[in-house]
């Protein structure tokens, strides 16, 4: 149950460190966005921070919650639900930051 949050945390690290280029394999390319390179890196850092926090919340749930439920199914469903909410919240923060414009944040 900890592989998902660990992958999310590991994916957030290069985003936070500014290692993803807009012209790289994970970037959309300069033609598809109307952002400058500075805006791209700022936006990517905000998204990385949101995904890091979401991954840490999910990891804490996966580590701290086992043994607190009557059945293993309840435990797994609860941890999966917390993980889904954490990832969804990170996506919402990322989209709101991009759509709202970085100067407002």
N, C-alpha and C. Protein backbone atom coordinates (compact mmCIF):
# COMPACT_ATOMS: atom_id res chain seq x y z
N UNK A 1 0.80 -1.21 0.00
CA UNK A 1 0.00 0.00 0.00
C UNK A 1 0.84 1.27 0.00
N UNK A 2 2.15 1.13 0.13
CA UNK A 2 2.98 2.34 0.17
C UNK A 2 3.65 2.64 -1.17
N UNK A 3 3.49 1.79 -2.16
CA UNK A 3 4.15 2.02 -3.44
C UNK A 3 3.57 3.25 -4.15
N UNK A 4 2.26 3.41 -4.14
CA UNK A 4 1.62 4.56 -4.80
C UNK A 4 2.11 5.89 -4.25
N UNK A 5 2.06 6.10 -2.93
CA UNK A 5 2.53 7.39 -2.42
C UNK A 5 4.03 7.62 -2.63
N UNK A 6 4.81 6.56 -2.59
CA UNK A 6 6.25 6.71 -2.82
C UNK A 6 6.51 7.14 -4.26
N UNK A 7 5.79 6.56 -5.20
CA UNK A 7 5.94 6.96 -6.61
C UNK A 7 5.53 8.42 -6.79
N UNK A 8 4.45 8.83 -6.14
CA UNK A 8 4.00 10.22 -6.23
C UNK A 8 5.04 11.17 -5.65
N UNK A 9 5.62 10.82 -4.53
CA UNK A 9 6.65 11.66 -3.91
C UNK A 9 7.88 11.73 -4.81
N UNK A 10 8.30 10.59 -5.35
CA UNK A 10 9.47 10.59 -6.24
C UNK A 10 9.22 11.38 -7.52
N UNK A 11 7.98 11.39 -8.00
CA UNK A 11 7.65 12.18 -9.19
C UNK A 11 7.63 13.67 -8.89
N UNK A 12 7.33 14.03 -7.64
CA UNK A 12 7.27 15.44 -7.27
C UNK A 12 8.65 16.07 -7.10
N UNK A 13 9.65 15.28 -6.76
CA UNK A 13 10.98 15.83 -6.49
C UNK A 13 11.57 16.57 -7.69
N UNK A 14 11.60 15.99 -8.90
CA UNK A 14 12.16 16.76 -10.03
C UNK A 14 11.32 18.00 -10.35
N UNK A 15 10.04 17.95 -10.07
CA UNK A 15 9.20 19.12 -10.30
C UNK A 15 9.61 20.25 -9.36
N UNK A 16 9.84 19.91 -8.10
CA UNK A 16 10.24 20.91 -7.12
C UNK A 16 11.63 21.48 -7.39
N UNK A 17 12.51 20.65 -7.92
CA UNK A 17 13.89 21.07 -8.17
C UNK A 17 14.06 21.79 -9.51
N UNK A 18 12.98 21.92 -10.27
CA UNK A 18 13.05 22.60 -11.56
C UNK A 18 13.77 21.80 -12.63
N UNK A 19 13.68 20.48 -12.56
CA UNK A 19 14.38 19.61 -13.50
C UNK A 19 13.55 19.28 -14.75
N UNK A 20 12.29 19.64 -14.78
CA UNK A 20 11.45 19.36 -15.95
C UNK A 20 11.45 20.56 -16.88
N UNK A 21 11.92 20.34 -18.08
CA UNK A 21 11.98 21.41 -19.07
C UNK A 21 10.68 21.44 -19.88
N UNK A 22 10.23 22.63 -20.25
CA UNK A 22 9.03 22.69 -21.07
C UNK A 22 9.24 22.08 -22.46
N UNK A 23 10.48 21.95 -22.87
CA UNK A 23 10.78 21.34 -24.17
C UNK A 23 11.25 19.90 -24.04
N UNK A 24 11.24 19.38 -22.83
CA UNK A 24 11.68 18.01 -22.59
C UNK A 24 10.58 17.00 -22.89
N UNK A 25 10.84 15.72 -22.61
CA UNK A 25 9.85 14.68 -22.93
C UNK A 25 8.57 14.78 -22.10
N UNK A 26 8.63 15.38 -20.92
CA UNK A 26 7.43 15.51 -20.09
C UNK A 26 6.74 16.86 -20.24
N UNK A 27 7.38 17.78 -20.91
CA UNK A 27 6.78 19.10 -21.12
C UNK A 27 5.93 19.12 -22.37
N UNK A 28 4.99 20.04 -22.44
CA UNK A 28 4.10 20.10 -23.60
C UNK A 28 4.76 20.75 -24.82
N UNK A 29 5.93 21.32 -24.64
CA UNK A 29 6.57 22.03 -25.74
C UNK A 29 6.21 23.51 -25.69
N UNK A 30 7.03 24.33 -26.26
CA UNK A 30 6.80 25.77 -26.18
C UNK A 30 5.65 26.23 -27.07
N UNK A 31 5.29 25.45 -28.07
CA UNK A 31 4.24 25.88 -28.99
C UNK A 31 2.84 25.68 -28.42
N UNK A 32 2.68 24.74 -27.50
CA UNK A 32 1.33 24.44 -27.01
C UNK A 32 0.94 25.26 -25.79
N UNK A 33 1.88 25.88 -25.13
CA UNK A 33 1.55 26.72 -23.98
C UNK A 33 1.87 28.16 -24.31
N UNK A 34 1.20 29.03 -23.65
CA UNK A 34 1.47 30.45 -23.84
C UNK A 34 2.16 30.99 -22.59
N UNK A 35 3.11 30.22 -22.09
CA UNK A 35 3.84 30.58 -20.88
C UNK A 35 5.30 30.84 -21.22
N UNK A 36 5.88 31.73 -20.48
CA UNK A 36 7.32 31.89 -20.59
C UNK A 36 7.98 30.75 -19.81
N UNK A 37 9.27 30.61 -20.00
CA UNK A 37 9.99 29.56 -19.28
C UNK A 37 9.92 29.78 -17.77
N UNK A 38 9.98 31.05 -17.33
CA UNK A 38 9.89 31.33 -15.89
C UNK A 38 8.54 30.91 -15.33
N UNK A 39 7.47 31.20 -16.06
CA UNK A 39 6.14 30.77 -15.61
C UNK A 39 6.02 29.26 -15.58
N UNK A 40 6.62 28.57 -16.57
CA UNK A 40 6.58 27.11 -16.61
C UNK A 40 7.23 26.54 -15.35
N UNK A 41 8.42 27.03 -15.01
CA UNK A 41 9.14 26.49 -13.86
C UNK A 41 8.42 26.82 -12.55
N UNK A 42 7.85 28.02 -12.45
CA UNK A 42 7.09 28.39 -11.24
C UNK A 42 5.87 27.48 -11.08
N UNK A 43 5.15 27.28 -12.17
CA UNK A 43 3.97 26.44 -12.15
C UNK A 43 4.33 24.99 -11.81
N UNK A 44 5.41 24.51 -12.38
CA UNK A 44 5.84 23.13 -12.12
C UNK A 44 6.26 22.97 -10.66
N UNK A 45 6.90 23.99 -10.08
CA UNK A 45 7.27 23.91 -8.66
C UNK A 45 6.04 23.88 -7.76
N UNK A 46 5.03 24.68 -8.08
CA UNK A 46 3.80 24.66 -7.28
C UNK A 46 3.12 23.30 -7.37
N UNK A 47 3.04 22.76 -8.58
CA UNK A 47 2.45 21.43 -8.77
C UNK A 47 3.26 20.37 -8.03
N UNK A 48 4.58 20.45 -8.10
CA UNK A 48 5.44 19.51 -7.38
C UNK A 48 5.22 19.58 -5.88
N UNK A 49 5.09 20.78 -5.36
CA UNK A 49 4.81 20.93 -3.93
C UNK A 49 3.47 20.34 -3.54
N UNK A 50 2.47 20.56 -4.38
CA UNK A 50 1.15 20.01 -4.10
C UNK A 50 1.18 18.48 -4.15
N UNK A 51 1.87 17.91 -5.12
CA UNK A 51 1.97 16.46 -5.21
C UNK A 51 2.81 15.88 -4.09
N UNK A 52 3.83 16.59 -3.65
CA UNK A 52 4.63 16.12 -2.52
C UNK A 52 3.79 16.07 -1.25
N UNK A 53 3.03 17.11 -0.99
CA UNK A 53 2.16 17.13 0.19
C UNK A 53 1.11 16.03 0.09
N UNK A 54 0.49 15.87 -1.08
CA UNK A 54 -0.49 14.80 -1.27
C UNK A 54 0.11 13.43 -1.06
N UNK A 55 1.32 13.22 -1.58
CA UNK A 55 2.00 11.94 -1.40
C UNK A 55 2.36 11.67 0.05
N UNK A 56 2.77 12.70 0.77
CA UNK A 56 3.10 12.53 2.18
C UNK A 56 1.87 12.21 3.02
N UNK A 57 0.75 12.86 2.72
CA UNK A 57 -0.49 12.56 3.43
C UNK A 57 -0.90 11.12 3.17
N UNK A 58 -0.83 10.70 1.92
CA UNK A 58 -1.18 9.33 1.55
C UNK A 58 -0.24 8.33 2.22
N UNK A 59 1.05 8.64 2.25
CA UNK A 59 2.02 7.75 2.88
C UNK A 59 1.78 7.65 4.39
N UNK A 60 1.47 8.76 5.03
CA UNK A 60 1.15 8.73 6.46
C UNK A 60 -0.07 7.86 6.72
N UNK A 61 -1.07 7.98 5.88
CA UNK A 61 -2.27 7.14 6.05
C UNK A 61 -1.92 5.67 5.89
N UNK A 62 -1.07 5.36 4.91
CA UNK A 62 -0.70 3.96 4.66
C UNK A 62 0.14 3.38 5.78
N UNK A 63 0.89 4.24 6.48
CA UNK A 63 1.75 3.75 7.56
C UNK A 63 1.01 3.73 8.90
N UNK A 64 0.19 4.74 9.15
CA UNK A 64 -0.42 4.88 10.48
C UNK A 64 -1.76 4.17 10.64
N UNK A 65 -2.51 3.95 9.57
CA UNK A 65 -3.86 3.41 9.72
C UNK A 65 -3.97 1.89 9.84
N UNK A 66 -3.04 1.11 9.31
CA UNK A 66 -3.21 -0.35 9.43
C UNK A 66 -3.34 -0.79 10.89
N UNK A 67 -4.27 -1.72 11.11
CA UNK A 67 -4.52 -2.23 12.45
C UNK A 67 -5.61 -1.50 13.21
N UNK A 68 -6.19 -0.46 12.62
CA UNK A 68 -7.23 0.31 13.28
C UNK A 68 -8.64 0.01 12.76
N UNK A 69 -8.77 -1.03 11.96
CA UNK A 69 -10.06 -1.35 11.37
C UNK A 69 -10.41 -2.80 11.66
N UNK A 70 -11.70 -3.13 11.51
CA UNK A 70 -12.17 -4.49 11.77
C UNK A 70 -11.71 -5.47 10.70
N UNK A 71 -11.68 -5.02 9.45
CA UNK A 71 -11.28 -5.91 8.36
C UNK A 71 -10.18 -5.26 7.52
N UNK A 72 -9.46 -6.11 6.80
CA UNK A 72 -8.41 -5.62 5.91
C UNK A 72 -9.03 -4.83 4.76
N UNK A 73 -10.21 -5.23 4.34
CA UNK A 73 -10.88 -4.51 3.25
C UNK A 73 -11.20 -3.08 3.66
N UNK A 74 -11.71 -2.87 4.86
CA UNK A 74 -11.99 -1.52 5.34
C UNK A 74 -10.71 -0.68 5.38
N UNK A 75 -9.65 -1.30 5.84
CA UNK A 75 -8.36 -0.62 5.93
C UNK A 75 -7.88 -0.18 4.55
N UNK A 76 -7.89 -1.09 3.60
CA UNK A 76 -7.41 -0.77 2.25
C UNK A 76 -8.29 0.26 1.56
N UNK A 77 -9.59 0.14 1.73
CA UNK A 77 -10.50 1.11 1.11
C UNK A 77 -10.30 2.50 1.70
N UNK A 78 -10.10 2.58 3.00
CA UNK A 78 -9.89 3.88 3.64
C UNK A 78 -8.59 4.51 3.17
N UNK A 79 -7.52 3.72 3.12
CA UNK A 79 -6.24 4.25 2.67
C UNK A 79 -6.32 4.67 1.20
N UNK A 80 -6.98 3.88 0.38
CA UNK A 80 -7.15 4.24 -1.03
C UNK A 80 -7.98 5.51 -1.19
N UNK A 81 -9.00 5.66 -0.37
CA UNK A 81 -9.84 6.87 -0.41
C UNK A 81 -9.02 8.10 -0.02
N UNK A 82 -8.24 7.99 1.04
CA UNK A 82 -7.39 9.11 1.46
C UNK A 82 -6.39 9.45 0.36
N UNK A 83 -5.81 8.43 -0.27
CA UNK A 83 -4.88 8.66 -1.37
C UNK A 83 -5.54 9.35 -2.54
N UNK A 84 -6.74 8.91 -2.88
CA UNK A 84 -7.46 9.52 -4.01
C UNK A 84 -7.78 10.98 -3.71
N UNK A 85 -8.20 11.27 -2.50
CA UNK A 85 -8.51 12.65 -2.12
C UNK A 85 -7.25 13.51 -2.14
N UNK A 86 -6.13 12.97 -1.65
CA UNK A 86 -4.88 13.72 -1.64
C UNK A 86 -4.41 14.04 -3.05
N UNK A 87 -4.49 13.08 -3.95
CA UNK A 87 -4.09 13.30 -5.34
C UNK A 87 -5.05 14.28 -6.02
N UNK A 88 -6.35 14.13 -5.78
CA UNK A 88 -7.33 15.04 -6.37
C UNK A 88 -7.11 16.48 -5.88
N UNK A 89 -6.83 16.64 -4.60
CA UNK A 89 -6.56 17.98 -4.07
C UNK A 89 -5.30 18.58 -4.71
N UNK A 90 -4.27 17.76 -4.91
CA UNK A 90 -3.05 18.25 -5.57
C UNK A 90 -3.35 18.67 -7.00
N UNK A 91 -4.18 17.91 -7.70
CA UNK A 91 -4.55 18.27 -9.07
C UNK A 91 -5.33 19.58 -9.11
N UNK A 92 -6.25 19.73 -8.17
CA UNK A 92 -7.05 20.96 -8.12
C UNK A 92 -6.16 22.17 -7.87
N UNK A 93 -5.23 22.05 -6.91
CA UNK A 93 -4.31 23.16 -6.64
C UNK A 93 -3.50 23.49 -7.88
N UNK A 94 -3.00 22.48 -8.57
CA UNK A 94 -2.20 22.71 -9.78
C UNK A 94 -3.01 23.40 -10.85
N UNK A 95 -4.21 22.91 -11.11
CA UNK A 95 -5.05 23.49 -12.16
C UNK A 95 -5.47 24.91 -11.80
N UNK A 96 -5.84 25.14 -10.55
CA UNK A 96 -6.22 26.49 -10.14
C UNK A 96 -5.05 27.46 -10.28
N UNK A 97 -3.86 27.00 -9.98
CA UNK A 97 -2.69 27.87 -10.11
C UNK A 97 -2.45 28.21 -11.58
N UNK A 98 -2.55 27.24 -12.46
CA UNK A 98 -2.31 27.48 -13.88
C UNK A 98 -3.41 28.35 -14.46
N UNK A 99 -4.66 28.01 -14.18
CA UNK A 99 -5.79 28.74 -14.75
C UNK A 99 -5.94 30.13 -14.14
N UNK A 100 -5.59 30.27 -12.87
CA UNK A 100 -5.74 31.55 -12.20
C UNK A 100 -4.62 32.53 -12.51
N UNK A 101 -3.55 32.03 -13.02
CA UNK A 101 -2.41 32.91 -13.30
C UNK A 101 -1.48 32.95 -12.09
N UNK A 102 -0.21 32.85 -12.36
CA UNK A 102 0.76 32.76 -11.27
C UNK A 102 0.92 34.06 -10.50
N UNK A 103 0.57 35.18 -11.08
CA UNK A 103 0.74 36.44 -10.36
C UNK A 103 -0.23 36.58 -9.19
N UNK A 104 -1.35 35.85 -9.20
CA UNK A 104 -2.30 35.94 -8.10
C UNK A 104 -1.86 35.14 -6.89
N UNK A 105 -0.96 34.19 -7.03
CA UNK A 105 -0.54 33.34 -5.92
C UNK A 105 0.69 33.93 -5.34
